[in-house]
Amino acid sequence: MISTSNAPHYTWADVCDGWRLASAPTLSVIQERMPPGATEERHQHSRVRQFFFVLSGVLTLEVEGTAHQLGPRQGLEVAPEKAHQARNEGEGDAEFLVISDGVSREDRQEG
């Protein structure tokens, strides 16, 4: 069994947390926590498809210039080659899952 209490943990953007819940060549499941005001760099993946699913809080997911506000139990798929950026414009932490059909960190291109 895996949870945030025993999953491999990492920090990104100095203030965000990630827990690798599943990591395989064809499947990655990461739970992330973004505090208010946090943002990631806009980027895209050449092969990897991702699905963002919000557990709590509000996540703004900008895809190809269109901002989507996702609340609890809402998700959005991001196709390969689509530039995207997650940010927390809310007042509390945003917790969400990022499910990928591959290892996204090995397929990431900034911009």
N, C-alpha and C. Protein backbone atom coordinates (compact mmCIF):
# COMPACT_ATOMS: atom_id res chain seq x y z
N MET A 1 0.85 -1.17 0.00
CA MET A 1 0.00 0.00 0.00
C MET A 1 0.90 1.24 0.00
N ILE A 2 0.45 2.30 -0.69
CA ILE A 2 1.22 3.54 -0.80
C ILE A 2 0.37 4.72 -0.35
N SER A 3 1.00 5.68 0.27
CA SER A 3 0.33 6.92 0.67
C SER A 3 1.40 8.01 0.76
N THR A 4 0.97 9.22 1.05
CA THR A 4 1.94 10.31 1.18
C THR A 4 2.85 10.11 2.39
N SER A 5 2.48 9.24 3.31
CA SER A 5 3.34 9.01 4.48
C SER A 5 4.51 8.08 4.17
N ASN A 6 4.42 7.28 3.08
CA ASN A 6 5.53 6.37 2.78
C ASN A 6 6.02 6.45 1.33
N ALA A 7 5.43 7.31 0.53
CA ALA A 7 5.85 7.46 -0.88
C ALA A 7 7.10 8.32 -0.97
N PRO A 8 7.92 8.11 -1.99
CA PRO A 8 9.06 9.00 -2.21
C PRO A 8 8.57 10.44 -2.38
N HIS A 9 9.19 11.36 -1.64
CA HIS A 9 8.78 12.76 -1.62
C HIS A 9 9.85 13.63 -2.26
N TYR A 10 9.42 14.70 -2.90
CA TYR A 10 10.36 15.69 -3.42
C TYR A 10 9.71 17.07 -3.30
N THR A 11 10.54 18.10 -3.36
CA THR A 11 10.09 19.48 -3.33
C THR A 11 10.42 20.12 -4.67
N TRP A 12 9.51 20.93 -5.17
CA TRP A 12 9.78 21.64 -6.41
C TRP A 12 9.34 23.10 -6.25
N ALA A 13 9.91 23.97 -7.04
CA ALA A 13 9.65 25.42 -6.96
C ALA A 13 9.85 25.94 -5.54
N ASP A 14 10.69 25.30 -4.78
CA ASP A 14 11.05 25.67 -3.41
C ASP A 14 9.92 25.56 -2.39
N VAL A 15 8.65 25.52 -2.82
CA VAL A 15 7.54 25.54 -1.86
C VAL A 15 6.48 24.46 -2.11
N CYS A 16 6.60 23.71 -3.19
CA CYS A 16 5.60 22.70 -3.55
C CYS A 16 6.10 21.31 -3.20
N ASP A 17 5.17 20.41 -2.89
CA ASP A 17 5.50 19.04 -2.55
C ASP A 17 4.96 18.08 -3.59
N GLY A 18 5.69 17.00 -3.82
CA GLY A 18 5.24 15.92 -4.68
C GLY A 18 5.55 14.58 -4.04
N TRP A 19 4.62 13.64 -4.20
CA TRP A 19 4.81 12.28 -3.70
C TRP A 19 4.58 11.33 -4.87
N ARG A 20 5.56 10.50 -5.19
CA ARG A 20 5.45 9.53 -6.28
C ARG A 20 4.69 8.30 -5.78
N LEU A 21 3.42 8.23 -6.14
CA LEU A 21 2.57 7.12 -5.70
C LEU A 21 2.74 5.89 -6.58
N ALA A 22 3.05 6.10 -7.85
CA ALA A 22 3.32 5.00 -8.78
C ALA A 22 4.31 5.53 -9.82
N SER A 23 5.29 4.71 -10.15
CA SER A 23 6.29 5.14 -11.12
C SER A 23 6.74 3.94 -11.93
N ALA A 24 6.36 3.93 -13.19
CA ALA A 24 6.71 2.85 -14.11
C ALA A 24 6.90 3.47 -15.49
N PRO A 25 7.51 2.76 -16.42
CA PRO A 25 7.74 3.33 -17.75
C PRO A 25 6.46 3.81 -18.45
N THR A 26 5.32 3.19 -18.16
CA THR A 26 4.08 3.57 -18.84
C THR A 26 3.02 4.16 -17.91
N LEU A 27 3.37 4.39 -16.65
CA LEU A 27 2.40 4.98 -15.70
C LEU A 27 3.13 5.73 -14.61
N SER A 28 2.70 6.97 -14.39
CA SER A 28 3.20 7.77 -13.28
C SER A 28 1.99 8.39 -12.58
N VAL A 29 1.92 8.24 -11.26
CA VAL A 29 0.88 8.89 -10.46
C VAL A 29 1.59 9.66 -9.37
N ILE A 30 1.38 10.97 -9.37
CA ILE A 30 2.02 11.85 -8.40
C ILE A 30 0.94 12.66 -7.70
N GLN A 31 1.00 12.73 -6.38
CA GLN A 31 0.15 13.65 -5.65
C GLN A 31 0.99 14.89 -5.36
N GLU A 32 0.42 16.07 -5.65
CA GLU A 32 1.15 17.30 -5.45
C GLU A 32 0.37 18.25 -4.56
N ARG A 33 1.14 19.12 -3.87
CA ARG A 33 0.55 20.17 -3.05
C ARG A 33 1.21 21.49 -3.45
N MET A 34 0.36 22.47 -3.81
CA MET A 34 0.84 23.80 -4.17
C MET A 34 0.24 24.81 -3.20
N PRO A 35 1.06 25.58 -2.49
CA PRO A 35 0.51 26.62 -1.63
C PRO A 35 0.02 27.81 -2.47
N PRO A 36 -0.76 28.69 -1.88
CA PRO A 36 -1.26 29.87 -2.62
C PRO A 36 -0.10 30.67 -3.22
N GLY A 37 -0.30 31.11 -4.46
CA GLY A 37 0.71 31.91 -5.15
C GLY A 37 1.77 31.11 -5.88
N ALA A 38 1.81 29.80 -5.68
CA ALA A 38 2.82 28.96 -6.33
C ALA A 38 2.45 28.74 -7.80
N THR A 39 3.47 28.57 -8.61
CA THR A 39 3.27 28.31 -10.03
C THR A 39 4.41 27.45 -10.56
N GLU A 40 4.14 26.71 -11.60
CA GLU A 40 5.20 25.96 -12.26
C GLU A 40 5.55 26.65 -13.56
N GLU A 41 6.69 26.31 -14.12
CA GLU A 41 7.09 26.86 -15.41
C GLU A 41 6.19 26.28 -16.51
N ARG A 42 5.82 27.12 -17.47
CA ARG A 42 5.05 26.63 -18.62
C ARG A 42 5.94 25.65 -19.38
N HIS A 43 5.36 24.53 -19.78
CA HIS A 43 6.14 23.50 -20.46
C HIS A 43 5.20 22.61 -21.28
N GLN A 44 5.79 21.66 -21.98
CA GLN A 44 5.01 20.67 -22.72
C GLN A 44 5.77 19.36 -22.72
N HIS A 45 5.07 18.32 -23.14
CA HIS A 45 5.67 17.00 -23.26
C HIS A 45 5.48 16.53 -24.69
N SER A 46 6.51 15.93 -25.26
CA SER A 46 6.40 15.51 -26.66
C SER A 46 5.59 14.22 -26.83
N ARG A 47 5.65 13.32 -25.84
CA ARG A 47 4.94 12.04 -25.95
C ARG A 47 3.93 11.78 -24.83
N VAL A 48 4.19 12.32 -23.66
CA VAL A 48 3.40 11.98 -22.47
C VAL A 48 2.08 12.75 -22.42
N ARG A 49 1.02 12.01 -22.16
CA ARG A 49 -0.32 12.56 -21.94
C ARG A 49 -0.53 12.60 -20.43
N GLN A 50 -1.13 13.69 -19.91
CA GLN A 50 -1.34 13.82 -18.48
C GLN A 50 -2.80 14.11 -18.16
N PHE A 51 -3.18 13.73 -16.94
CA PHE A 51 -4.51 14.05 -16.42
C PHE A 51 -4.33 14.63 -15.04
N PHE A 52 -4.80 15.86 -14.84
CA PHE A 52 -4.74 16.54 -13.56
C PHE A 52 -6.09 16.39 -12.88
N PHE A 53 -6.10 15.95 -11.62
CA PHE A 53 -7.35 15.75 -10.88
C PHE A 53 -7.22 16.38 -9.51
N VAL A 54 -8.07 17.35 -9.21
CA VAL A 54 -7.97 18.11 -7.97
C VAL A 54 -8.65 17.34 -6.82
N LEU A 55 -7.91 17.23 -5.72
CA LEU A 55 -8.43 16.60 -4.50
C LEU A 55 -9.01 17.64 -3.56
N SER A 56 -8.32 18.78 -3.41
CA SER A 56 -8.82 19.86 -2.55
C SER A 56 -8.25 21.18 -3.03
N GLY A 57 -8.94 22.26 -2.69
CA GLY A 57 -8.52 23.58 -3.13
C GLY A 57 -8.93 23.84 -4.56
N VAL A 58 -8.31 24.86 -5.15
CA VAL A 58 -8.59 25.24 -6.54
C VAL A 58 -7.27 25.34 -7.28
N LEU A 59 -7.21 24.71 -8.44
CA LEU A 59 -6.02 24.73 -9.28
C LEU A 59 -6.36 25.41 -10.59
N THR A 60 -5.55 26.36 -11.00
CA THR A 60 -5.68 26.95 -12.32
C THR A 60 -4.72 26.20 -13.23
N LEU A 61 -5.26 25.60 -14.27
CA LEU A 61 -4.45 24.89 -15.25
C LEU A 61 -4.62 25.58 -16.58
N GLU A 62 -3.56 26.26 -17.01
CA GLU A 62 -3.59 26.97 -18.29
C GLU A 62 -3.05 26.02 -19.35
N VAL A 63 -3.83 25.82 -20.40
CA VAL A 63 -3.44 24.94 -21.50
C VAL A 63 -3.57 25.73 -22.80
N GLU A 64 -2.45 25.90 -23.48
CA GLU A 64 -2.43 26.60 -24.77
C GLU A 64 -3.12 27.97 -24.67
N GLY A 65 -2.89 28.69 -23.57
CA GLY A 65 -3.40 30.04 -23.42
C GLY A 65 -4.79 30.16 -22.82
N THR A 66 -5.46 29.03 -22.56
CA THR A 66 -6.79 29.05 -21.94
C THR A 66 -6.68 28.58 -20.50
N ALA A 67 -7.13 29.42 -19.57
CA ALA A 67 -7.07 29.08 -18.15
C ALA A 67 -8.33 28.34 -17.73
N HIS A 68 -8.14 27.22 -17.04
CA HIS A 68 -9.25 26.40 -16.53
C HIS A 68 -9.14 26.38 -15.01
N GLN A 69 -10.23 26.72 -14.33
CA GLN A 69 -10.28 26.66 -12.87
C GLN A 69 -10.86 25.31 -12.47
N LEU A 70 -10.06 24.50 -11.80
CA LEU A 70 -10.49 23.16 -11.39
C LEU A 70 -10.66 23.13 -9.89
N GLY A 71 -11.84 22.69 -9.44
CA GLY A 71 -12.10 22.53 -8.02
C GLY A 71 -12.06 21.06 -7.64
N PRO A 72 -12.38 20.76 -6.38
CA PRO A 72 -12.36 19.37 -5.91
C PRO A 72 -13.21 18.45 -6.78
N ARG A 73 -12.64 17.29 -7.08
CA ARG A 73 -13.26 16.24 -7.89
C ARG A 73 -13.47 16.66 -9.34
N GLN A 74 -12.64 17.61 -9.81
CA GLN A 74 -12.66 17.99 -11.22
C GLN A 74 -11.28 17.74 -11.80
N GLY A 75 -11.25 17.37 -13.09
CA GLY A 75 -9.99 17.07 -13.73
C GLY A 75 -9.94 17.58 -15.15
N LEU A 76 -8.74 17.55 -15.72
CA LEU A 76 -8.54 17.99 -17.09
C LEU A 76 -7.37 17.21 -17.69
N GLU A 77 -7.57 16.74 -18.91
CA GLU A 77 -6.53 16.02 -19.64
C GLU A 77 -5.70 17.01 -20.46
N VAL A 78 -4.40 16.77 -20.49
CA VAL A 78 -3.49 17.58 -21.30
C VAL A 78 -2.80 16.65 -22.28
N ALA A 79 -3.05 16.87 -23.55
CA ALA A 79 -2.49 16.02 -24.60
C ALA A 79 -1.01 16.35 -24.82
N PRO A 80 -0.26 15.41 -25.40
CA PRO A 80 1.13 15.68 -25.75
C PRO A 80 1.23 16.92 -26.64
N GLU A 81 2.33 17.63 -26.53
CA GLU A 81 2.66 18.80 -27.34
C GLU A 81 1.79 20.02 -27.03
N LYS A 82 1.01 19.98 -25.96
CA LYS A 82 0.20 21.14 -25.54
C LYS A 82 0.92 21.85 -24.40
N ALA A 83 1.28 23.11 -24.62
CA ALA A 83 1.95 23.88 -23.57
C ALA A 83 0.97 24.10 -22.42
N HIS A 84 1.44 23.89 -21.19
CA HIS A 84 0.56 24.03 -20.04
C HIS A 84 1.33 24.52 -18.82
N GLN A 85 0.57 25.03 -17.86
CA GLN A 85 1.14 25.55 -16.62
C GLN A 85 0.10 25.45 -15.52
N ALA A 86 0.49 24.86 -14.39
CA ALA A 86 -0.38 24.79 -13.22
C ALA A 86 0.00 25.93 -12.27
N ARG A 87 -1.01 26.55 -11.68
CA ARG A 87 -0.77 27.59 -10.68
C ARG A 87 -1.89 27.59 -9.66
N ASN A 88 -1.55 28.07 -8.48
CA ASN A 88 -2.53 28.18 -7.41
C ASN A 88 -2.82 29.65 -7.19
N GLU A 89 -3.96 30.10 -7.69
CA GLU A 89 -4.40 31.48 -7.53
C GLU A 89 -5.40 31.60 -6.38
N GLY A 90 -5.62 30.49 -5.67
CA GLY A 90 -6.60 30.48 -4.58
C GLY A 90 -6.01 30.94 -3.27
N GLU A 91 -6.81 30.81 -2.23
CA GLU A 91 -6.40 31.27 -0.90
C GLU A 91 -5.82 30.16 -0.03
N GLY A 92 -6.04 28.91 -0.40
CA GLY A 92 -5.52 27.78 0.37
C GLY A 92 -4.70 26.86 -0.52
N ASP A 93 -4.13 25.84 0.10
CA ASP A 93 -3.36 24.85 -0.66
C ASP A 93 -4.23 24.19 -1.72
N ALA A 94 -3.64 23.86 -2.85
CA ALA A 94 -4.27 23.03 -3.87
C ALA A 94 -3.57 21.67 -3.82
N GLU A 95 -4.35 20.62 -3.64
CA GLU A 95 -3.81 19.26 -3.67
C GLU A 95 -4.45 18.54 -4.84
N PHE A 96 -3.61 17.85 -5.62
CA PHE A 96 -4.11 17.24 -6.85
C PHE A 96 -3.24 16.06 -7.25
N LEU A 97 -3.79 15.23 -8.12
CA LEU A 97 -3.07 14.12 -8.71
C LEU A 97 -2.66 14.49 -10.13
N VAL A 98 -1.47 14.06 -10.52
CA VAL A 98 -1.03 14.16 -11.91
C VAL A 98 -0.77 12.73 -12.36
N ILE A 99 -1.59 12.26 -13.29
CA ILE A 99 -1.49 10.90 -13.79
C ILE A 99 -0.97 10.99 -15.23
N SER A 100 0.13 10.30 -15.49
CA SER A 100 0.78 10.39 -16.79
C SER A 100 0.97 9.00 -17.39
N ASP A 101 0.90 8.91 -18.71
CA ASP A 101 1.09 7.62 -19.39
C ASP A 101 2.56 7.39 -19.74
N GLY A 102 3.42 7.89 -18.90
CA GLY A 102 4.86 7.72 -19.05
C GLY A 102 5.56 8.55 -17.98
N VAL A 103 6.85 8.62 -18.05
CA VAL A 103 7.63 9.39 -17.07
C VAL A 103 7.74 10.82 -17.59
N SER A 104 6.93 11.71 -17.05
CA SER A 104 6.84 13.07 -17.59
C SER A 104 8.12 13.87 -17.41
N ARG A 105 8.86 13.67 -16.34
CA ARG A 105 10.09 14.46 -16.11
C ARG A 105 11.16 14.16 -17.16
N GLU A 106 11.08 13.02 -17.81
CA GLU A 106 12.04 12.67 -18.86
C GLU A 106 11.59 13.15 -20.25
N ASP A 107 10.38 13.71 -20.32
CA ASP A 107 9.78 14.11 -21.59
C ASP A 107 9.39 15.59 -21.56
N ARG A 108 9.96 16.35 -20.66
CA ARG A 108 9.56 17.74 -20.42
C ARG A 108 10.39 18.70 -21.25
N GLN A 109 9.69 19.67 -21.87
CA GLN A 109 10.36 20.71 -22.65
C GLN A 109 9.81 22.05 -22.19
N GLU A 110 10.68 22.94 -21.70
CA GLU A 110 10.25 24.25 -21.21
C GLU A 110 9.69 25.09 -22.35
N GLY A 111 8.80 25.99 -21.98
CA GLY A 111 8.24 26.92 -22.96
C GLY A 111 6.87 26.54 -23.30
